[in-house]
């Protein structure tokens, strides 16, 4: 459901993804998720109705905190996950997408 809303949002903004990976088919380990986070400056994650922002430039987030926003209950990367430059967006929140896709 949220992936469909993300695709609709991106189509409306005329944004074409460079790479699309199906998280159900391609699993990501905790080590890989932490490596992905290490290559970013910030993470925005929708967790239910609240938005979690981890600014990795100024605050040192623990591996546990990072994994809590990146991985779902199955231990796999949460979908949808988008990368814009050095920003990672996890989950769908239209307000966050609108702010970051200007």
C-alpha atoms as a PDB file:
ATOM      1  CA  UNK A   1       0.000   0.000   0.000  1.00  0.00           C
ATOM      2  CA  UNK A   2       2.616   2.573   0.980  1.00  0.00           C
ATOM      3  CA  UNK A   3       4.788   1.622  -2.006  1.00  0.00           C
ATOM      4  CA  UNK A   4       1.829   2.355  -4.287  1.00  0.00           C
ATOM      5  CA  UNK A   5       1.349   5.761  -2.659  1.00  0.00           C
ATOM      6  CA  UNK A   6       5.076   6.440  -3.026  1.00  0.00           C
ATOM      7  CA  UNK A   7       4.978   5.524  -6.710  1.00  0.00           C
ATOM      8  CA  UNK A   8       1.985   7.834  -7.182  1.00  0.00           C
ATOM      9  CA  UNK A   9       3.741  10.696  -5.405  1.00  0.00           C
ATOM     10  CA  UNK A  10       6.907  10.249  -7.479  1.00  0.00           C
ATOM     11  CA  UNK A  11       4.900  10.090 -10.718  1.00  0.00           C
ATOM     12  CA  UNK A  12       3.056  13.303  -9.775  1.00  0.00           C
ATOM     13  CA  UNK A  13       6.409  15.030  -9.131  1.00  0.00           C
ATOM     14  CA  UNK A  14       7.809  13.517 -12.364  1.00  0.00           C
ATOM     15  CA  UNK A  15      10.649  11.826 -10.471  1.00  0.00           C
ATOM     16  CA  UNK A  16      12.031   8.652 -12.007  1.00  0.00           C
ATOM     17  CA  UNK A  17      13.928   6.314  -9.658  1.00  0.00           C
ATOM     18  CA  UNK A  18      17.428   5.341 -10.734  1.00  0.00           C
ATOM     19  CA  UNK A  19      17.113   1.905  -9.136  1.00  0.00           C
ATOM     20  CA  UNK A  20      14.146  -0.039  -7.776  1.00  0.00           C
ATOM     21  CA  UNK A  21      14.691  -3.062  -5.538  1.00  0.00           C
ATOM     22  CA  UNK A  22      11.947  -5.339  -4.243  1.00  0.00           C
ATOM     23  CA  UNK A  23      12.706  -5.715  -0.522  1.00  0.00           C
ATOM     24  CA  UNK A  24      10.749  -8.984  -0.386  1.00  0.00           C
ATOM     25  CA  UNK A  25      12.997 -10.543  -3.009  1.00  0.00           C
ATOM     26  CA  UNK A  26      16.329  -9.000  -2.054  1.00  0.00           C
ATOM     27  CA  UNK A  27      17.005  -9.238   1.684  1.00  0.00           C
ATOM     28  CA  UNK A  28      19.265  -6.775   3.479  1.00  0.00           C
ATOM     29  CA  UNK A  29      21.230  -7.851   6.526  1.00  0.00           C
ATOM     30  CA  UNK A  30      21.780  -5.653   9.571  1.00  0.00           C
ATOM     31  CA  UNK A  31      25.370  -5.121   8.441  1.00  0.00           C
ATOM     32  CA  UNK A  32      24.186  -3.964   5.001  1.00  0.00           C
ATOM     33  CA  UNK A  33      21.556  -1.675   6.555  1.00  0.00           C
ATOM     34  CA  UNK A  34      24.197  -0.047   8.773  1.00  0.00           C
ATOM     35  CA  UNK A  35      26.500   0.369   5.749  1.00  0.00           C
ATOM     36  CA  UNK A  36      23.643   2.089   3.899  1.00  0.00           C
ATOM     37  CA  UNK A  37      23.093   4.404   6.861  1.00  0.00           C
ATOM     38  CA  UNK A  38      26.824   5.154   7.085  1.00  0.00           C
ATOM     39  CA  UNK A  39      26.697   6.552   3.557  1.00  0.00           C
ATOM     40  CA  UNK A  40      23.994   9.086   4.495  1.00  0.00           C
ATOM     41  CA  UNK A  41      23.826  12.314   6.466  1.00  0.00           C
ATOM     42  CA  UNK A  42      20.261  11.968   7.716  1.00  0.00           C
ATOM     43  CA  UNK A  43      17.406   9.517   7.947  1.00  0.00           C
ATOM     44  CA  UNK A  44      13.710  10.420   7.938  1.00  0.00           C
ATOM     45  CA  UNK A  45      11.437   7.545   8.971  1.00  0.00           C
ATOM     46  CA  UNK A  46       7.681   7.305   9.275  1.00  0.00           C
ATOM     47  CA  UNK A  47       6.830   5.121  12.270  1.00  0.00           C
ATOM     48  CA  UNK A  48       3.058   4.975  12.427  1.00  0.00           C
ATOM     49  CA  UNK A  49       1.856   8.570  12.683  1.00  0.00           C
ATOM     50  CA  UNK A  50       5.120   9.971  13.982  1.00  0.00           C
ATOM     51  CA  UNK A  51       8.212  10.975  12.033  1.00  0.00           C
ATOM     52  CA  UNK A  52      11.667  10.104  13.335  1.00  0.00           C
ATOM     53  CA  UNK A  53      14.591  12.217  12.152  1.00  0.00           C
ATOM     54  CA  UNK A  54      18.145  11.052  12.729  1.00  0.00           C
ATOM     55  CA  UNK A  55      20.733  13.692  11.843  1.00  0.00           C
ATOM     56  CA  UNK A  56      23.849  11.585  11.502  1.00  0.00           C
ATOM     57  CA  UNK A  57      26.093  14.626  10.887  1.00  0.00           C
ATOM     58  CA  UNK A  58      25.623  16.261  14.273  1.00  0.00           C
ATOM     59  CA  UNK A  59      24.387  13.510  16.578  1.00  0.00           C
ATOM     60  CA  UNK A  60      25.879  10.072  16.895  1.00  0.00           C
ATOM     61  CA  UNK A  61      22.978   7.636  16.648  1.00  0.00           C
ATOM     62  CA  UNK A  62      23.538   4.161  17.997  1.00  0.00           C
ATOM     63  CA  UNK A  63      23.412   1.151  15.694  1.00  0.00           C
ATOM     64  CA  UNK A  64      20.346   0.042  17.624  1.00  0.00           C
ATOM     65  CA  UNK A  65      18.528   3.341  16.908  1.00  0.00           C
ATOM     66  CA  UNK A  66      19.425   3.199  13.227  1.00  0.00           C
ATOM     67  CA  UNK A  67      18.311  -0.408  12.842  1.00  0.00           C
ATOM     68  CA  UNK A  68      15.054   0.389  14.667  1.00  0.00           C
ATOM     69  CA  UNK A  69      14.042   2.839  11.924  1.00  0.00           C
ATOM     70  CA  UNK A  70      15.491   0.925   8.953  1.00  0.00           C
ATOM     71  CA  UNK A  71      14.372  -2.638   9.643  1.00  0.00           C
ATOM     72  CA  UNK A  72      10.863  -3.975   9.997  1.00  0.00           C
ATOM     73  CA  UNK A  73       9.594  -6.762  12.266  1.00  0.00           C
ATOM     74  CA  UNK A  74      10.873  -9.412   9.845  1.00  0.00           C
ATOM     75  CA  UNK A  75      14.390  -8.002  10.128  1.00  0.00           C
ATOM     76  CA  UNK A  76      14.384  -6.817   6.536  1.00  0.00           C
ATOM     77  CA  UNK A  77      14.652  -3.266   5.196  1.00  0.00           C
ATOM     78  CA  UNK A  78      11.336  -1.422   5.570  1.00  0.00           C
ATOM     79  CA  UNK A  79       9.581  -0.424   2.398  1.00  0.00           C
ATOM     80  CA  UNK A  80       9.419   1.979   0.808  1.00  0.00           C
ATOM     81  CA  UNK A  81      12.946   3.232   1.359  1.00  0.00           C
ATOM     82  CA  UNK A  82      14.213   6.023  -0.864  1.00  0.00           C
ATOM     83  CA  UNK A  83      17.581   7.670  -1.135  1.00  0.00           C
ATOM     84  CA  UNK A  84      17.921  11.265  -2.270  1.00  0.00           C
ATOM     85  CA  UNK A  85      21.596  12.182  -2.344  1.00  0.00           C
ATOM     86  CA  UNK A  86      22.794  11.665   1.232  1.00  0.00           C
ATOM     87  CA  UNK A  87      19.269  11.536   2.706  1.00  0.00           C
ATOM     88  CA  UNK A  88      17.412   8.302   3.383  1.00  0.00           C
ATOM     89  CA  UNK A  89      13.605   8.253   3.655  1.00  0.00           C
ATOM     90  CA  UNK A  90      11.951   5.188   5.202  1.00  0.00           C
ATOM     91  CA  UNK A  91       8.212   4.627   5.056  1.00  0.00           C
ATOM     92  CA  UNK A  92       5.627   6.910   3.487  1.00  0.00           C
ATOM     93  CA  UNK A  93       4.654  10.306   4.820  1.00  0.00           C
ATOM     94  CA  UNK A  94       3.370  12.773   2.248  1.00  0.00           C
ATOM     95  CA  UNK A  95       4.413  15.852   4.247  1.00  0.00           C
ATOM     96  CA  UNK A  96       7.992  14.564   4.555  1.00  0.00           C
ATOM     97  CA  UNK A  97       8.099  13.647   0.864  1.00  0.00           C
ATOM     98  CA  UNK A  98       6.791  17.109  -0.098  1.00  0.00           C
ATOM     99  CA  UNK A  99       9.440  18.809   2.028  1.00  0.00           C
ATOM    100  CA  UNK A 100      12.292  16.740   0.608  1.00  0.00           C
ATOM    101  CA  UNK A 101      11.158  16.597  -3.053  1.00  0.00           C
ATOM    102  CA  UNK A 102      11.071  20.297  -3.900  1.00  0.00           C
END
